[in-house]
Amino acid sequence: MQPVDSAAYPDSLNARIGVLTRREVEARMLAPLIEALAAEFGRERVLAVVREAIIQIARGQGESLAGQIGGNSLDDFAGSLSAWRQDNAMEIDILEQDEETFSFNVTRCRYAELYRALGVPELGAIFSCNRDWALIQGFNPGIGLERTQTIMEGAPYCDFRYQLRPQPIGLE
């Protein structure tokens, strides 16, 4: 069964509420469900299934995002960050931005604060941080992401380093 991609629907929650509020609603619904399934089927297996489902959803959301904004360059992606920053959800320091590189640090993450306040910090990485690689793959498979730390995992900041990958030279 394919996960439903709510980003594909123009009248979806994406257009009506911010991502931070959406993640809170998701966490309040999914956390008890995941715990019940974990008790029945085993925590590690259930978390693996949830993780994979969210990766598939994020990849589809990346594809939808590129279509919605009409481009998939690093500049296009950088312009889309306002959705994740809505409601002061993240504070960001941009370090470098050009046609091939987009690097920034998240110095405050209300997503991490939210999951801690809800008592599910371990699910925060699955529900939010887990999406980042798949989202950019869906948005543009030619863009890579390197991130070595997150606030969600206890680091002082999240380090996002997006890089346009060199395209292979075709045979002539």
N, C-alpha and C. Protein backbone atom coordinates (compact mmCIF):
# COMPACT_ATOMS: atom_id res chain seq x y z
N MET A 1 0.85 -1.18 0.00
CA MET A 1 0.00 0.00 0.00
C MET A 1 0.89 1.24 0.00
N GLN A 2 0.66 2.17 -0.93
CA GLN A 2 1.42 3.41 -1.01
C GLN A 2 0.88 4.42 -0.01
N PRO A 3 1.77 5.13 0.71
CA PRO A 3 1.30 6.17 1.62
C PRO A 3 0.66 7.30 0.83
N VAL A 4 -0.34 7.92 1.41
CA VAL A 4 -1.00 9.06 0.79
C VAL A 4 -0.12 10.29 0.98
N ASP A 5 0.13 11.02 -0.09
CA ASP A 5 0.94 12.23 -0.04
C ASP A 5 0.01 13.43 0.04
N SER A 6 -0.17 13.95 1.24
CA SER A 6 -1.09 15.08 1.42
C SER A 6 -0.61 16.32 0.69
N ALA A 7 0.69 16.42 0.37
CA ALA A 7 1.19 17.58 -0.35
C ALA A 7 0.64 17.65 -1.76
N ALA A 8 0.14 16.54 -2.28
CA ALA A 8 -0.35 16.51 -3.65
C ALA A 8 -1.73 17.16 -3.77
N TYR A 9 -2.41 17.42 -2.68
CA TYR A 9 -3.74 17.99 -2.72
C TYR A 9 -3.69 19.48 -2.43
N PRO A 10 -4.12 20.32 -3.39
CA PRO A 10 -4.00 21.75 -3.21
C PRO A 10 -4.78 22.29 -2.02
N ASP A 11 -5.85 21.64 -1.63
CA ASP A 11 -6.65 22.13 -0.50
C ASP A 11 -6.30 21.40 0.80
N SER A 12 -5.12 20.80 0.86
CA SER A 12 -4.72 20.01 2.01
C SER A 12 -4.32 20.89 3.18
N LEU A 13 -3.97 20.25 4.26
CA LEU A 13 -3.50 20.96 5.45
C LEU A 13 -2.29 21.83 5.15
N ASN A 14 -1.50 21.44 4.17
CA ASN A 14 -0.30 22.21 3.83
C ASN A 14 -0.63 23.67 3.54
N ALA A 15 -1.75 23.92 2.93
CA ALA A 15 -2.13 25.27 2.58
C ALA A 15 -2.80 26.01 3.73
N ARG A 16 -3.25 25.28 4.75
CA ARG A 16 -4.03 25.92 5.82
C ARG A 16 -3.29 26.08 7.13
N ILE A 17 -2.36 25.18 7.42
CA ILE A 17 -1.63 25.30 8.69
C ILE A 17 -0.14 25.12 8.43
N GLY A 18 0.67 25.63 9.33
CA GLY A 18 2.12 25.51 9.18
C GLY A 18 2.61 24.09 9.45
N VAL A 19 3.83 23.85 9.05
CA VAL A 19 4.44 22.53 9.21
C VAL A 19 4.57 22.17 10.69
N LEU A 20 4.95 23.13 11.53
CA LEU A 20 5.11 22.84 12.96
C LEU A 20 3.79 22.36 13.56
N THR A 21 2.71 23.03 13.26
CA THR A 21 1.40 22.61 13.77
C THR A 21 1.01 21.25 13.21
N ARG A 22 1.30 21.04 11.93
CA ARG A 22 1.00 19.74 11.31
C ARG A 22 1.77 18.62 12.00
N ARG A 23 3.06 18.86 12.29
CA ARG A 23 3.86 17.84 12.96
C ARG A 23 3.32 17.55 14.37
N GLU A 24 2.80 18.57 15.05
CA GLU A 24 2.23 18.33 16.37
C GLU A 24 0.99 17.45 16.27
N VAL A 25 0.13 17.74 15.32
CA VAL A 25 -1.08 16.92 15.13
C VAL A 25 -0.69 15.48 14.81
N GLU A 26 0.28 15.34 13.88
CA GLU A 26 0.74 14.00 13.51
C GLU A 26 1.29 13.24 14.72
N ALA A 27 2.13 13.92 15.50
CA ALA A 27 2.75 13.26 16.65
C ALA A 27 1.70 12.85 17.69
N ARG A 28 0.74 13.72 17.93
CA ARG A 28 -0.30 13.40 18.92
C ARG A 28 -1.15 12.21 18.47
N MET A 29 -1.31 12.04 17.18
CA MET A 29 -2.08 10.91 16.66
C MET A 29 -1.22 9.65 16.54
N LEU A 30 -0.01 9.81 16.00
CA LEU A 30 0.81 8.64 15.69
C LEU A 30 1.50 8.03 16.90
N ALA A 31 1.93 8.84 17.85
CA ALA A 31 2.69 8.30 18.98
C ALA A 31 1.92 7.21 19.73
N PRO A 32 0.66 7.44 20.12
CA PRO A 32 -0.07 6.36 20.80
C PRO A 32 -0.32 5.15 19.90
N LEU A 33 -0.56 5.40 18.63
CA LEU A 33 -0.77 4.30 17.68
C LEU A 33 0.51 3.46 17.55
N ILE A 34 1.64 4.13 17.43
CA ILE A 34 2.93 3.43 17.32
C ILE A 34 3.19 2.62 18.58
N GLU A 35 2.91 3.19 19.73
CA GLU A 35 3.12 2.46 20.99
C GLU A 35 2.23 1.21 21.06
N ALA A 36 0.99 1.34 20.63
CA ALA A 36 0.08 0.18 20.64
C ALA A 36 0.57 -0.89 19.67
N LEU A 37 0.99 -0.48 18.48
CA LEU A 37 1.51 -1.44 17.51
C LEU A 37 2.81 -2.07 18.00
N ALA A 38 3.64 -1.28 18.65
CA ALA A 38 4.91 -1.79 19.18
C ALA A 38 4.67 -2.85 20.25
N ALA A 39 3.67 -2.64 21.08
CA ALA A 39 3.35 -3.63 22.11
C ALA A 39 2.89 -4.95 21.49
N GLU A 40 2.24 -4.85 20.36
CA GLU A 40 1.72 -6.05 19.69
C GLU A 40 2.74 -6.73 18.79
N PHE A 41 3.54 -5.92 18.06
CA PHE A 41 4.40 -6.48 17.01
C PHE A 41 5.89 -6.27 17.23
N GLY A 42 6.28 -5.56 18.28
CA GLY A 42 7.68 -5.29 18.54
C GLY A 42 8.08 -3.89 18.11
N ARG A 43 8.71 -3.19 19.01
CA ARG A 43 9.05 -1.78 18.80
C ARG A 43 9.97 -1.55 17.61
N GLU A 44 11.03 -2.30 17.50
CA GLU A 44 12.00 -2.07 16.42
C GLU A 44 11.38 -2.26 15.05
N ARG A 45 10.58 -3.29 14.90
CA ARG A 45 9.95 -3.56 13.61
C ARG A 45 8.95 -2.46 13.25
N VAL A 46 8.15 -2.06 14.21
CA VAL A 46 7.16 -1.01 13.96
C VAL A 46 7.86 0.30 13.60
N LEU A 47 8.91 0.66 14.34
CA LEU A 47 9.64 1.90 14.03
C LEU A 47 10.29 1.83 12.65
N ALA A 48 10.77 0.67 12.25
CA ALA A 48 11.37 0.52 10.92
C ALA A 48 10.31 0.75 9.83
N VAL A 49 9.13 0.21 10.03
CA VAL A 49 8.04 0.40 9.06
C VAL A 49 7.63 1.87 9.01
N VAL A 50 7.48 2.49 10.16
CA VAL A 50 7.11 3.91 10.21
C VAL A 50 8.18 4.76 9.53
N ARG A 51 9.44 4.48 9.84
CA ARG A 51 10.56 5.23 9.24
C ARG A 51 10.51 5.14 7.72
N GLU A 52 10.33 3.95 7.19
CA GLU A 52 10.28 3.76 5.73
C GLU A 52 9.07 4.45 5.12
N ALA A 53 7.93 4.38 5.77
CA ALA A 53 6.74 5.05 5.25
C ALA A 53 6.95 6.56 5.19
N ILE A 54 7.55 7.13 6.21
CA ILE A 54 7.79 8.57 6.23
C ILE A 54 8.81 8.96 5.17
N ILE A 55 9.80 8.13 4.93
CA ILE A 55 10.77 8.39 3.86
C ILE A 55 10.05 8.44 2.51
N GLN A 56 9.15 7.50 2.26
CA GLN A 56 8.41 7.47 1.00
C GLN A 56 7.51 8.70 0.87
N ILE A 57 6.87 9.10 1.95
CA ILE A 57 6.03 10.29 1.94
C ILE A 57 6.88 11.52 1.63
N ALA A 58 8.03 11.64 2.29
CA ALA A 58 8.90 12.81 2.09
C ALA A 58 9.43 12.89 0.67
N ARG A 59 9.77 11.76 0.09
CA ARG A 59 10.25 11.76 -1.30
C ARG A 59 9.15 12.29 -2.22
N GLY A 60 7.94 11.84 -2.02
CA GLY A 60 6.81 12.33 -2.80
C GLY A 60 6.55 13.81 -2.56
N GLN A 61 6.71 14.24 -1.32
CA GLN A 61 6.53 15.66 -1.02
C GLN A 61 7.60 16.51 -1.70
N GLY A 62 8.81 15.98 -1.80
CA GLY A 62 9.87 16.70 -2.51
C GLY A 62 9.53 16.86 -3.98
N GLU A 63 9.03 15.81 -4.60
CA GLU A 63 8.61 15.87 -6.00
C GLU A 63 7.48 16.89 -6.17
N SER A 64 6.51 16.85 -5.27
CA SER A 64 5.39 17.79 -5.33
C SER A 64 5.85 19.22 -5.13
N LEU A 65 6.78 19.41 -4.22
CA LEU A 65 7.29 20.75 -3.94
C LEU A 65 7.94 21.35 -5.18
N ALA A 66 8.78 20.57 -5.85
CA ALA A 66 9.43 21.06 -7.08
C ALA A 66 8.38 21.45 -8.12
N GLY A 67 7.33 20.65 -8.24
CA GLY A 67 6.27 20.97 -9.18
C GLY A 67 5.50 22.21 -8.78
N GLN A 68 5.21 22.35 -7.50
CA GLN A 68 4.44 23.50 -7.01
C GLN A 68 5.19 24.81 -7.21
N ILE A 69 6.51 24.80 -7.00
CA ILE A 69 7.26 26.05 -7.12
C ILE A 69 7.83 26.25 -8.52
N GLY A 70 7.68 25.25 -9.36
CA GLY A 70 8.08 25.39 -10.75
C GLY A 70 9.57 25.33 -11.01
N GLY A 71 10.30 24.66 -10.15
CA GLY A 71 11.74 24.50 -10.35
C GLY A 71 12.33 23.61 -9.29
N ASN A 72 13.55 23.12 -9.55
CA ASN A 72 14.18 22.23 -8.58
C ASN A 72 15.66 22.55 -8.38
N SER A 73 16.03 23.81 -8.54
CA SER A 73 17.41 24.22 -8.30
C SER A 73 17.63 24.42 -6.80
N LEU A 74 18.87 24.55 -6.42
CA LEU A 74 19.17 24.85 -5.02
C LEU A 74 18.55 26.18 -4.60
N ASP A 75 18.54 27.14 -5.50
CA ASP A 75 17.93 28.43 -5.20
C ASP A 75 16.43 28.26 -4.97
N ASP A 76 15.78 27.44 -5.80
CA ASP A 76 14.36 27.16 -5.62
C ASP A 76 14.12 26.52 -4.25
N PHE A 77 14.98 25.55 -3.92
CA PHE A 77 14.83 24.87 -2.63
C PHE A 77 15.02 25.85 -1.48
N ALA A 78 16.04 26.68 -1.56
CA ALA A 78 16.29 27.66 -0.50
C ALA A 78 15.07 28.56 -0.30
N GLY A 79 14.44 28.94 -1.39
CA GLY A 79 13.25 29.77 -1.30
C GLY A 79 12.06 29.08 -0.64
N SER A 80 12.06 27.77 -0.65
CA SER A 80 10.95 27.01 -0.06
C SER A 80 11.07 26.86 1.46
N LEU A 81 12.19 27.22 2.03
CA LEU A 81 12.38 27.01 3.48
C LEU A 81 11.41 27.81 4.33
N SER A 82 10.80 28.82 3.76
CA SER A 82 9.86 29.62 4.55
C SER A 82 8.73 28.75 5.11
N ALA A 83 8.35 27.71 4.41
CA ALA A 83 7.29 26.82 4.90
C ALA A 83 7.70 26.14 6.21
N TRP A 84 8.95 25.70 6.30
CA TRP A 84 9.42 25.03 7.52
C TRP A 84 9.72 26.01 8.63
N ARG A 85 9.95 27.27 8.27
CA ARG A 85 10.26 28.30 9.25
C ARG A 85 9.02 29.01 9.78
N GLN A 86 7.88 28.77 9.14
CA GLN A 86 6.63 29.42 9.54
C GLN A 86 6.40 29.24 11.04
N ASP A 87 5.82 30.23 11.67
CA ASP A 87 5.53 30.20 13.12
C ASP A 87 6.82 30.16 13.94
N ASN A 88 7.90 30.72 13.39
CA ASN A 88 9.21 30.73 14.08
C ASN A 88 9.65 29.32 14.45
N ALA A 89 9.36 28.37 13.58
CA ALA A 89 9.65 26.97 13.86
C ALA A 89 11.15 26.68 13.88
N MET A 90 11.93 27.46 13.11
CA MET A 90 13.38 27.27 13.08
C MET A 90 14.06 28.62 12.97
N GLU A 91 15.21 28.72 13.62
CA GLU A 91 16.09 29.86 13.41
C GLU A 91 17.28 29.35 12.65
N ILE A 92 17.62 30.05 11.55
CA ILE A 92 18.63 29.57 10.62
C ILE A 92 19.70 30.63 10.40
N ASP A 93 20.96 30.18 10.38
CA ASP A 93 22.07 31.01 9.95
C ASP A 93 22.56 30.46 8.62
N ILE A 94 22.38 31.23 7.55
CA ILE A 94 22.85 30.80 6.23
C ILE A 94 24.35 31.08 6.15
N LEU A 95 25.11 30.05 5.81
CA LEU A 95 26.57 30.14 5.74
C LEU A 95 27.06 30.37 4.32
N GLU A 96 26.41 29.73 3.35
CA GLU A 96 26.82 29.83 1.96
C GLU A 96 25.63 29.50 1.07
N GLN A 97 25.47 30.30 0.01
CA GLN A 97 24.39 30.03 -0.92
C GLN A 97 24.78 30.53 -2.30
N ASP A 98 24.88 29.60 -3.24
CA ASP A 98 25.12 29.93 -4.63
C ASP A 98 24.45 28.85 -5.48
N GLU A 99 24.77 28.79 -6.76
CA GLU A 99 24.10 27.84 -7.65
C GLU A 99 24.40 26.38 -7.32
N GLU A 100 25.54 26.12 -6.66
CA GLU A 100 25.95 24.74 -6.39
C GLU A 100 25.94 24.34 -4.92
N THR A 101 25.81 25.31 -4.04
CA THR A 101 25.91 25.05 -2.61
C THR A 101 24.87 25.83 -1.83
N PHE A 102 24.28 25.17 -0.85
CA PHE A 102 23.39 25.85 0.09
C PHE A 102 23.69 25.25 1.46
N SER A 103 24.34 26.03 2.31
CA SER A 103 24.75 25.55 3.63
C SER A 103 24.17 26.47 4.69
N PHE A 104 23.60 25.85 5.71
CA PHE A 104 23.08 26.64 6.82
C PHE A 104 23.09 25.80 8.09
N ASN A 105 23.01 26.49 9.21
CA ASN A 105 22.85 25.85 10.51
C ASN A 105 21.50 26.24 11.08
N VAL A 106 20.82 25.28 11.64
CA VAL A 106 19.60 25.56 12.39
C VAL A 106 20.05 25.75 13.84
N THR A 107 19.84 26.94 14.37
CA THR A 107 20.31 27.24 15.72
C THR A 107 19.22 27.12 16.78
N ARG A 108 17.98 27.10 16.34
CA ARG A 108 16.85 26.80 17.23
C ARG A 108 15.85 25.99 16.43
N CYS A 109 15.37 24.92 17.04
CA CYS A 109 14.43 24.03 16.36
C CYS A 109 13.24 23.79 17.28
N ARG A 110 12.14 24.44 16.97
CA ARG A 110 10.93 24.24 17.76
C ARG A 110 10.32 22.87 17.52
N TYR A 111 10.70 22.21 16.41
CA TYR A 111 10.25 20.84 16.19
C TYR A 111 10.82 19.94 17.30
N ALA A 112 12.12 20.08 17.57
CA ALA A 112 12.75 19.30 18.64
C ALA A 112 12.10 19.64 19.99
N GLU A 113 11.86 20.92 20.21
CA GLU A 113 11.21 21.34 21.46
C GLU A 113 9.82 20.72 21.58
N LEU A 114 9.10 20.67 20.48
CA LEU A 114 7.76 20.10 20.46
C LEU A 114 7.78 18.62 20.85
N TYR A 115 8.64 17.84 20.20
CA TYR A 115 8.68 16.41 20.49
C TYR A 115 9.11 16.13 21.92
N ARG A 116 10.02 16.93 22.44
CA ARG A 116 10.41 16.77 23.85
C ARG A 116 9.24 17.08 24.77
N ALA A 117 8.53 18.17 24.48
CA ALA A 117 7.37 18.56 25.30
C ALA A 117 6.28 17.50 25.27
N LEU A 118 6.13 16.82 24.14
CA LEU A 118 5.13 15.76 24.03
C LEU A 118 5.60 14.45 24.65
N GLY A 119 6.88 14.39 25.06
CA GLY A 119 7.42 13.18 25.67
C GLY A 119 7.80 12.11 24.67
N VAL A 120 8.02 12.50 23.40
CA VAL A 120 8.39 11.53 22.37
C VAL A 120 9.62 11.99 21.58
N PRO A 121 10.70 12.34 22.28
CA PRO A 121 11.87 12.86 21.54
C PRO A 121 12.45 11.85 20.55
N GLU A 122 12.34 10.55 20.86
CA GLU A 122 12.88 9.54 19.95
C GLU A 122 12.08 9.46 18.65
N LEU A 123 10.82 9.82 18.72
CA LEU A 123 10.00 9.81 17.51
C LEU A 123 10.22 11.07 16.67
N GLY A 124 10.72 12.13 17.29
CA GLY A 124 10.96 13.38 16.57
C GLY A 124 11.93 13.19 15.42
N ALA A 125 12.98 12.42 15.65
CA ALA A 125 13.95 12.18 14.58
C ALA A 125 13.30 11.41 13.44
N ILE A 126 12.41 10.49 13.75
CA ILE A 126 11.73 9.71 12.71
C ILE A 126 10.70 10.58 11.99
N PHE A 127 9.92 11.35 12.74
CA PHE A 127 8.86 12.15 12.14
C PHE A 127 9.38 13.35 11.36
N SER A 128 10.49 13.95 11.78
CA SER A 128 10.96 15.19 11.16
C SER A 128 12.33 15.06 10.51
N CYS A 129 13.37 14.82 11.29
CA CYS A 129 14.74 14.79 10.75
C CYS A 129 14.90 13.73 9.67
N ASN A 130 14.23 12.63 9.83
CA ASN A 130 14.29 11.50 8.91
C ASN A 130 13.88 11.88 7.49
N ARG A 131 13.09 12.92 7.34
CA ARG A 131 12.54 13.32 6.06
C ARG A 131 13.54 14.04 5.17
N ASP A 132 14.57 14.65 5.76
CA ASP A 132 15.40 15.61 5.04
C ASP A 132 16.07 15.03 3.80
N TRP A 133 16.68 13.86 3.89
CA TRP A 133 17.36 13.26 2.74
C TRP A 133 16.37 12.88 1.66
N ALA A 134 15.28 12.26 2.05
CA ALA A 134 14.29 11.82 1.07
C ALA A 134 13.61 13.01 0.40
N LEU A 135 13.36 14.06 1.14
CA LEU A 135 12.73 15.24 0.56
C LEU A 135 13.60 15.82 -0.55
N ILE A 136 14.89 15.97 -0.31
CA ILE A 136 15.77 16.55 -1.33
C ILE A 136 15.95 15.58 -2.50
N GLN A 137 15.93 14.28 -2.25
CA GLN A 137 15.99 13.31 -3.35
C GLN A 137 14.79 13.44 -4.26
N GLY A 138 13.61 13.61 -3.67
CA GLY A 138 12.41 13.80 -4.46
C GLY A 138 12.41 15.14 -5.18
N PHE A 139 12.91 16.17 -4.51
CA PHE A 139 12.95 17.51 -5.08
C PHE A 139 13.90 17.58 -6.27
N ASN A 140 15.11 17.02 -6.09
CA ASN A 140 16.10 16.98 -7.16
C ASN A 140 17.13 15.92 -6.81
N PRO A 141 17.12 14.77 -7.48
CA PRO A 141 18.06 13.71 -7.16
C PRO A 141 19.52 14.09 -7.40
N GLY A 142 19.76 15.21 -8.07
CA GLY A 142 21.12 15.67 -8.31
C GLY A 142 21.69 16.53 -7.19
N ILE A 143 20.90 16.71 -6.14
CA ILE A 143 21.37 17.48 -4.97
C ILE A 143 21.61 16.51 -3.83
N GLY A 144 22.79 16.62 -3.22
CA GLY A 144 23.11 15.79 -2.06
C GLY A 144 22.99 16.59 -0.78
N LEU A 145 22.81 15.90 0.31
CA LEU A 145 22.74 16.51 1.64
C LEU A 145 23.72 15.81 2.55
N GLU A 146 24.50 16.60 3.26
CA GLU A 146 25.34 16.08 4.34
C GLU A 146 24.90 16.79 5.60
N ARG A 147 24.62 16.00 6.62
CA ARG A 147 24.28 16.56 7.93
C ARG A 147 24.89 15.64 8.97
N THR A 148 25.68 16.19 9.85
CA THR A 148 26.39 15.36 10.83
C THR A 148 25.79 15.42 12.22
N GLN A 149 24.91 16.39 12.46
CA GLN A 149 24.36 16.51 13.81
C GLN A 149 23.02 17.24 13.78
N THR A 150 22.21 16.98 14.80
CA THR A 150 20.93 17.66 14.92
C THR A 150 20.66 18.08 16.35
N ILE A 151 19.88 19.11 16.50
CA ILE A 151 19.41 19.53 17.81
C ILE A 151 18.57 18.42 18.42
N MET A 152 17.80 17.73 17.58
CA MET A 152 16.94 16.64 18.04
C MET A 152 17.74 15.58 18.78
N GLU A 153 18.99 15.37 18.33
CA GLU A 153 19.87 14.37 18.96
C GLU A 153 20.71 14.96 20.08
N GLY A 154 20.52 16.25 20.40
CA GLY A 154 21.24 16.86 21.51
C GLY A 154 22.38 17.79 21.11
N ALA A 155 22.63 17.96 19.83
CA ALA A 155 23.70 18.86 19.38
C ALA A 155 23.25 20.32 19.56
N PRO A 156 24.19 21.25 19.60
CA PRO A 156 23.82 22.66 19.76
C PRO A 156 23.17 23.26 18.51
N TYR A 157 23.37 22.64 17.35
CA TYR A 157 22.76 23.11 16.10
C TYR A 157 22.72 21.96 15.10
N CYS A 158 21.88 22.11 14.08
CA CYS A 158 21.82 21.16 12.97
C CYS A 158 22.63 21.75 11.83
N ASP A 159 23.48 20.96 11.22
CA ASP A 159 24.31 21.44 10.11
C ASP A 159 23.81 20.84 8.79
N PHE A 160 23.19 21.67 7.98
CA PHE A 160 22.68 21.27 6.67
C PHE A 160 23.64 21.75 5.61
N ARG A 161 24.14 20.81 4.79
CA ARG A 161 25.06 21.14 3.71
C ARG A 161 24.55 20.49 2.42
N TYR A 162 23.86 21.28 1.62
CA TYR A 162 23.34 20.80 0.35
C TYR A 162 24.36 21.14 -0.74
N GLN A 163 24.56 20.20 -1.65
CA GLN A 163 25.55 20.39 -2.71
C GLN A 163 25.01 19.79 -4.00
N LEU A 164 25.10 20.56 -5.07
CA LEU A 164 24.75 20.04 -6.37
C LEU A 164 25.82 19.04 -6.78
N ARG A 165 25.41 17.83 -7.08
CA ARG A 165 26.37 16.78 -7.46
C ARG A 165 26.78 16.96 -8.91
N PRO A 166 28.04 16.69 -9.21
CA PRO A 166 28.45 16.77 -10.62
C PRO A 166 27.69 15.72 -11.45
N GLN A 167 27.25 16.15 -12.61
CA GLN A 167 26.54 15.24 -13.50
C GLN A 167 27.54 14.43 -14.32
N PRO A 168 27.30 13.15 -14.54
CA PRO A 168 28.22 12.35 -15.33
C PRO A 168 28.26 12.86 -16.77
N ILE A 169 29.42 12.80 -17.34
CA ILE A 169 29.60 13.22 -18.73
C ILE A 169 29.18 12.06 -19.63
N GLY A 170 28.30 12.36 -20.57
CA GLY A 170 27.78 11.31 -21.46
C GLY A 170 28.80 10.93 -22.52
N LEU A 171 28.65 9.74 -23.02
CA LEU A 171 29.51 9.26 -24.11
C LEU A 171 29.01 9.82 -25.42
N GLU A 172 29.92 10.26 -26.23
CA GLU A 172 29.52 10.82 -27.53
C GLU A 172 29.93 9.95 -28.66
